[in-house]
C-alpha atoms as a PDB file:
ATOM      1  CA  MET A   1      -6.349   8.454   5.674  1.00  0.00           C
ATOM      2  CA  SER A   2      -4.866   5.143   6.282  1.00  0.00           C
ATOM      3  CA  ALA A   3      -8.581   3.512   7.008  1.00  0.00           C
ATOM      4  CA  ILE A   4      -9.678   5.376   3.498  1.00  0.00           C
ATOM      5  CA  PHE A   5      -6.481   4.074   1.479  1.00  0.00           C
ATOM      6  CA  GLU A   6      -6.947   0.459   2.774  1.00  0.00           C
ATOM      7  CA  LEU A   7     -10.424   0.397   1.384  1.00  0.00           C
ATOM      8  CA  GLY A   8      -8.938   0.639  -2.059  1.00  0.00           C
ATOM      9  CA  ALA A   9      -6.042  -2.101  -1.293  1.00  0.00           C
ATOM     10  CA  PHE A  10      -7.503  -5.345  -2.261  1.00  0.00           C
ATOM     11  CA  THR A  11      -5.584  -8.307  -1.376  1.00  0.00           C
ATOM     12  CA  TYR A  12      -2.611  -9.123  -3.788  1.00  0.00           C
ATOM     13  CA  SER A  13      -4.848 -12.139  -4.768  1.00  0.00           C
ATOM     14  CA  PHE A  14      -6.695 -10.392  -7.177  1.00  0.00           C
ATOM     15  CA  LEU A  15      -3.400  -9.081  -8.867  1.00  0.00           C
ATOM     16  CA  LEU A  16      -2.604 -12.924  -9.317  1.00  0.00           C
ATOM     17  CA  ILE A  17      -5.846 -13.508 -10.554  1.00  0.00           C
ATOM     18  CA  PHE A  18      -5.671 -10.758 -12.939  1.00  0.00           C
ATOM     19  CA  ALA A  19      -2.287 -11.780 -14.371  1.00  0.00           C
ATOM     20  CA  SER A  20      -3.558 -15.314 -15.200  1.00  0.00           C
ATOM     21  CA  LYS A  21      -6.404 -13.360 -17.082  1.00  0.00           C
ATOM     22  CA  PHE A  22      -3.534 -12.174 -19.161  1.00  0.00           C
ATOM     23  CA  GLY A  23      -1.454 -14.980 -20.319  1.00  0.00           C
ATOM     24  CA  PHE A  24       0.150 -16.042 -17.097  1.00  0.00           C
ATOM     25  CA  LYS A  25      -0.479 -20.035 -16.518  1.00  0.00           C
ATOM     26  CA  ILE A  26      -1.258 -20.943 -13.037  1.00  0.00           C
ATOM     27  CA  ALA A  27       1.957 -22.467 -12.558  1.00  0.00           C
ATOM     28  CA  PHE A  28       3.677 -19.406 -13.057  1.00  0.00           C
ATOM     29  CA  VAL A  29       1.637 -17.754 -10.773  1.00  0.00           C
ATOM     30  CA  PRO A  30       3.559 -18.502  -7.649  1.00  0.00           C
ATOM     31  CA  ILE A  31       6.706 -17.052  -9.294  1.00  0.00           C
ATOM     32  CA  LEU A  32       4.620 -13.684  -9.253  1.00  0.00           C
ATOM     33  CA  TYR A  33       3.933 -14.159  -5.715  1.00  0.00           C
ATOM     34  CA  LEU A  34       8.006 -14.643  -5.081  1.00  0.00           C
ATOM     35  CA  ILE A  35       8.488 -11.485  -7.272  1.00  0.00           C
ATOM     36  CA  PHE A  36       6.456  -9.519  -5.099  1.00  0.00           C
ATOM     37  CA  THR A  37       7.445 -10.681  -1.746  1.00  0.00           C
ATOM     38  CA  ALA A  38      11.240 -10.532  -2.593  1.00  0.00           C
ATOM     39  CA  SER A  39      10.711  -6.898  -3.440  1.00  0.00           C
ATOM     40  CA  ALA A  40       9.347  -6.431  -0.281  1.00  0.00           C
ATOM     41  CA  PHE A  41      11.963  -7.926   1.475  1.00  0.00           C
ATOM     42  CA  LEU A  42      14.692  -6.046  -0.488  1.00  0.00           C
ATOM     43  CA  PHE A  43      13.160  -2.849  -0.400  1.00  0.00           C
ATOM     44  CA  ALA A  44      11.912  -2.676   3.176  1.00  0.00           C
ATOM     45  CA  VAL A  45      15.301  -1.637   5.065  1.00  0.00           C
ATOM     46  CA  PRO A  46      16.370   0.980   2.188  1.00  0.00           C
ATOM     47  CA  PHE A  47      12.688   2.443   2.843  1.00  0.00           C
ATOM     48  CA  GLY A  48      13.072   2.575   6.296  1.00  0.00           C
ATOM     49  CA  LYS A  49      16.512   4.449   5.497  1.00  0.00           C
ATOM     50  CA  LEU A  50      14.470   6.727   3.556  1.00  0.00           C
ATOM     51  CA  THR A  51      12.107   7.603   5.682  1.00  0.00           C
ATOM     52  CA  ASP A  52      14.587   8.498   8.418  1.00  0.00           C
ATOM     53  CA  LYS A  53      16.121  10.941   6.046  1.00  0.00           C
ATOM     54  CA  ILE A  54      12.794  12.398   4.264  1.00  0.00           C
ATOM     55  CA  GLY A  55      10.630  12.229   6.694  1.00  0.00           C
ATOM     56  CA  ARG A  56       7.530   9.965   7.753  1.00  0.00           C
ATOM     57  CA  LYS A  57       4.865  11.770   5.546  1.00  0.00           C
ATOM     58  CA  ASN A  58       7.020  11.984   2.438  1.00  0.00           C
ATOM     59  CA  THR A  59       7.916   8.142   2.373  1.00  0.00           C
ATOM     60  CA  LEU A  60       4.068   7.307   2.968  1.00  0.00           C
ATOM     61  CA  ALA A  61       3.253   9.652   0.026  1.00  0.00           C
ATOM     62  CA  LEU A  62       5.693   7.761  -2.151  1.00  0.00           C
ATOM     63  CA  SER A  63       4.242   4.463  -1.039  1.00  0.00           C
ATOM     64  CA  PHE A  64       0.923   5.543  -1.997  1.00  0.00           C
ATOM     65  CA  LEU A  65       2.000   6.731  -5.126  1.00  0.00           C
ATOM     66  CA  MET A  66       3.692   3.159  -5.591  1.00  0.00           C
ATOM     67  CA  TRP A  67       0.245   1.617  -5.015  1.00  0.00           C
ATOM     68  CA  GLY A  68      -1.061   4.099  -7.618  1.00  0.00           C
ATOM     69  CA  LEU A  69       1.319   2.988 -10.131  1.00  0.00           C
ATOM     70  CA  THR A  70       0.585  -0.436  -9.520  1.00  0.00           C
ATOM     71  CA  CYS A  71      -2.855   0.209 -10.360  1.00  0.00           C
ATOM     72  CA  LEU A  72      -2.345   2.234 -13.378  1.00  0.00           C
ATOM     73  CA  SER A  73       0.103  -0.265 -14.556  1.00  0.00           C
ATOM     74  CA  PHE A  74      -2.311  -2.786 -14.563  1.00  0.00           C
ATOM     75  CA  ILE A  75      -4.993  -0.948 -16.281  1.00  0.00           C
ATOM     76  CA  PHE A  76      -2.819   0.396 -19.062  1.00  0.00           C
ATOM     77  CA  PHE A  77       0.044  -2.199 -19.662  1.00  0.00           C
ATOM     78  CA  GLN A  78      -1.032  -6.091 -19.762  1.00  0.00           C
ATOM     79  CA  SER A  79       1.963  -7.447 -21.591  1.00  0.00           C
ATOM     80  CA  TYR A  80       4.041 -10.360 -19.856  1.00  0.00           C
ATOM     81  CA  TRP A  81       7.128  -8.139 -18.730  1.00  0.00           C
ATOM     82  CA  ALA A  82       5.035  -5.332 -17.780  1.00  0.00           C
ATOM     83  CA  ILE A  83       2.856  -7.295 -15.378  1.00  0.00           C
ATOM     84  CA  MET A  84       6.019  -8.882 -14.116  1.00  0.00           C
ATOM     85  CA  ALA A  85       7.307  -5.125 -13.580  1.00  0.00           C
ATOM     86  CA  THR A  86       4.247  -4.134 -11.638  1.00  0.00           C
ATOM     87  CA  PHE A  87       4.931  -7.003  -9.192  1.00  0.00           C
ATOM     88  CA  VAL A  88       8.092  -5.792  -8.298  1.00  0.00           C
ATOM     89  CA  ILE A  89       6.432  -2.143  -8.270  1.00  0.00           C
ATOM     90  CA  TYR A  90       3.647  -3.842  -5.839  1.00  0.00           C
ATOM     91  CA  GLY A  91       6.449  -5.346  -3.745  1.00  0.00           C
ATOM     92  CA  ILE A  92       8.348  -2.078  -3.261  1.00  0.00           C
ATOM     93  CA  HIS A  93       4.886  -0.714  -2.186  1.00  0.00           C
ATOM     94  CA  ARG A  94       4.307  -3.246   0.393  1.00  0.00           C
ATOM     95  CA  GLY A  95       7.648  -3.279   1.779  1.00  0.00           C
ATOM     96  CA  SER A  96       7.226   0.130   2.500  1.00  0.00           C
ATOM     97  CA  ILE A  97       3.956   0.812   3.853  1.00  0.00           C
ATOM     98  CA  LYS A  98       3.449  -1.157   6.944  1.00  0.00           C
ATOM     99  CA  PRO A  99       6.566   0.099   8.772  1.00  0.00           C
ATOM    100  CA  ILE A 100       5.972   3.623   7.896  1.00  0.00           C
ATOM    101  CA  GLN A 101       2.453   3.489   8.852  1.00  0.00           C
ATOM    102  CA  LYS A 102       3.162   1.642  12.273  1.00  0.00           C
ATOM    103  CA  THR A 103       6.185   4.184  12.760  1.00  0.00           C
ATOM    104  CA  LEU A 104       3.891   7.101  12.562  1.00  0.00           C
ATOM    105  CA  VAL A 105       1.496   5.816  14.578  1.00  0.00           C
ATOM    106  CA  ALA A 106       4.079   4.894  17.082  1.00  0.00           C
ATOM    107  CA  GLU A 107       5.707   8.379  16.948  1.00  0.00           C
ATOM    108  CA  ILE A 108       2.366  10.282  17.218  1.00  0.00           C
ATOM    109  CA  THR A 109       1.169   8.441  20.274  1.00  0.00           C
ATOM    110  CA  PRO A 110       1.914   9.077  24.040  1.00  0.00           C
ATOM    111  CA  ALA A 111       4.433   6.393  25.425  1.00  0.00           C
ATOM    112  CA  ARG A 112       2.286   4.732  27.645  1.00  0.00           C
ATOM    113  CA  PHE A 113      -0.551   4.353  24.905  1.00  0.00           C
ATOM    114  CA  THR A 114       1.676   3.004  22.155  1.00  0.00           C
ATOM    115  CA  ALA A 115       0.881  -0.590  22.546  1.00  0.00           C
ATOM    116  CA  SER A 116      -3.065   0.189  22.416  1.00  0.00           C
ATOM    117  CA  THR A 117      -2.856   2.504  19.655  1.00  0.00           C
ATOM    118  CA  LEU A 118      -0.954   0.112  17.459  1.00  0.00           C
ATOM    119  CA  GLY A 119      -3.390  -2.538  18.063  1.00  0.00           C
ATOM    120  CA  ALA A 120      -6.362  -0.465  17.651  1.00  0.00           C
ATOM    121  CA  PHE A 121      -4.633   0.648  14.510  1.00  0.00           C
ATOM    122  CA  GLN A 122      -4.297  -2.452  13.131  1.00  0.00           C
ATOM    123  CA  MET A 123      -7.609  -3.165  14.434  1.00  0.00           C
ATOM    124  CA  VAL A 124      -9.074  -0.519  12.083  1.00  0.00           C
ATOM    125  CA  LEU A 125      -6.824  -1.541   9.226  1.00  0.00           C
ATOM    126  CA  GLY A 126      -8.320  -5.111   9.263  1.00  0.00           C
ATOM    127  CA  ILE A 127     -11.936  -3.888   9.517  1.00  0.00           C
ATOM    128  CA  CYS A 128     -11.215  -1.660   6.220  1.00  0.00           C
ATOM    129  CA  ALA A 129      -9.254  -4.704   4.309  1.00  0.00           C
ATOM    130  CA  PHE A 130     -12.376  -7.082   4.699  1.00  0.00           C
ATOM    131  CA  PRO A 131     -14.418  -4.866   2.673  1.00  0.00           C
ATOM    132  CA  ALA A 132     -11.816  -3.901   0.174  1.00  0.00           C
ATOM    133  CA  SER A 133     -11.660  -7.105  -1.379  1.00  0.00           C
ATOM    134  CA  PHE A 134     -15.080  -7.701  -0.964  1.00  0.00           C
ATOM    135  CA  ILE A 135     -15.840  -4.279  -2.957  1.00  0.00           C
ATOM    136  CA  ALA A 136     -12.881  -5.366  -5.496  1.00  0.00           C
ATOM    137  CA  GLY A 137     -14.704  -8.596  -6.270  1.00  0.00           C
ATOM    138  CA  ILE A 138     -18.118  -6.925  -6.746  1.00  0.00           C
ATOM    139  CA  LEU A 139     -16.663  -4.310  -8.862  1.00  0.00           C
ATOM    140  CA  TRP A 140     -14.633  -7.130 -10.837  1.00  0.00           C
ATOM    141  CA  ASP A 141     -17.841  -9.247 -11.251  1.00  0.00           C
ATOM    142  CA  LYS A 142     -20.501  -6.423 -12.034  1.00  0.00           C
ATOM    143  CA  ILE A 143     -18.240  -3.755 -13.892  1.00  0.00           C
ATOM    144  CA  GLY A 144     -15.209  -5.454 -15.262  1.00  0.00           C
ATOM    145  CA  VAL A 145     -11.600  -6.755 -14.457  1.00  0.00           C
ATOM    146  CA  PHE A 146     -10.099  -3.041 -14.382  1.00  0.00           C
ATOM    147  CA  ALA A 147     -12.699  -1.494 -11.863  1.00  0.00           C
ATOM    148  CA  PRO A 148     -10.951  -2.251  -8.625  1.00  0.00           C
ATOM    149  CA  PHE A 149      -7.933  -1.051  -9.929  1.00  0.00           C
ATOM    150  CA  TYR A 150      -9.998   2.307 -10.700  1.00  0.00           C
ATOM    151  CA  PHE A 151     -11.494   2.357  -7.451  1.00  0.00           C
ATOM    152  CA  ALA A 152      -8.264   1.388  -5.818  1.00  0.00           C
ATOM    153  CA  LEU A 153      -6.736   4.594  -7.756  1.00  0.00           C
ATOM    154  CA  GLY A 154      -9.705   6.846  -6.438  1.00  0.00           C
ATOM    155  CA  MET A 155      -9.162   5.987  -2.531  1.00  0.00           C
ATOM    156  CA  THR A 156      -5.558   6.369  -2.976  1.00  0.00           C
ATOM    157  CA  ILE A 157      -5.814   9.994  -4.511  1.00  0.00           C
ATOM    158  CA  VAL A 158      -8.247  10.421  -1.403  1.00  0.00           C
ATOM    159  CA  ALA A 159      -5.131   9.341   0.690  1.00  0.00           C
ATOM    160  CA  ILE A 160      -2.966  11.092  -0.741  1.00  0.00           C
ATOM    161  CA  PHE A 161      -5.144  14.280  -0.554  1.00  0.00           C
ATOM    162  CA  LEU A 162      -5.623  13.775   3.155  1.00  0.00           C
ATOM    163  CA  LEU A 163      -1.710  13.211   3.938  1.00  0.00           C
ATOM    164  CA  PHE A 164      -1.469  17.140   3.343  1.00  0.00           C
ATOM    165  CA  PHE A 165      -3.489  17.915   6.260  1.00  0.00           C
ATOM    166  CA  VAL A 166      -0.783  15.630   8.302  1.00  0.00           C
ATOM    167  CA  LYS A 167       1.633  18.040   9.948  1.00  0.00           C
ATOM    168  CA  GLU A 168       5.280  17.018  10.466  1.00  0.00           C
ATOM    169  CA  THR A 169       7.169  18.553  13.498  1.00  0.00           C
ATOM    170  CA  ARG A 170      10.528  18.217  14.801  1.00  0.00           C
ATOM    171  CA  SER A 171      11.419  17.196  18.276  1.00  0.00           C
ATOM    172  CA  GLU A 172      14.057  18.213  20.390  1.00  0.00           C
ATOM    173  CA  GLN A 173      16.027  15.355  19.538  1.00  0.00           C
ATOM    174  CA  GLY A 174      15.618  15.924  15.938  1.00  0.00           C
ATOM    175  CA  GLN A 175      13.591  13.344  15.123  1.00  0.00           C
ATOM    176  CA  SER A 176      10.389  13.566  12.692  1.00  0.00           C
ATOM    177  CA  ILE A 177       7.131  13.897  14.716  1.00  0.00           C
ATOM    178  CA  THR A 178       4.020  13.579  12.789  1.00  0.00           C
ATOM    179  CA  ALA A 179       0.452  14.797  13.676  1.00  0.00           C
ATOM    180  CA  ILE A 180      -2.971  14.896  12.414  1.00  0.00           C
END
């Protein structure tokens, strides 16, 4: 599920290039980067607390939805303020997704294999991240500027669908445990 999602989650550089195509001067692009990273920083801990309250699966779905909302916002709203707001939404997504995914992997893995499994998980995500930006670049060049966002939205929908097959249970200590 995370690998499928990652195929559509191209690098933030595309978002910055997109913003520059719709009126943002190159000098302002670092400010957009700052907005997204500050949002990720500010929302990481609240999302960690939220995941403890509503579960890993629900919070991961919310994070996937934030990416979908990011894509939809870039497709339908290209005004100055809408793009800035979308970078906030993107930051919320980035601040939530990695910690939730790693926690899920750590919880469903036997303790003696946790480090190896986290390493393998990161490797799979890295392997999927490389073609994600390559695919986005080809779609941008061959079809149009919005094509990578439609593709990412499609991969997000598939990942959310696959998330329905993740079963969440409770351990004896009351902690949320998720199994695929």
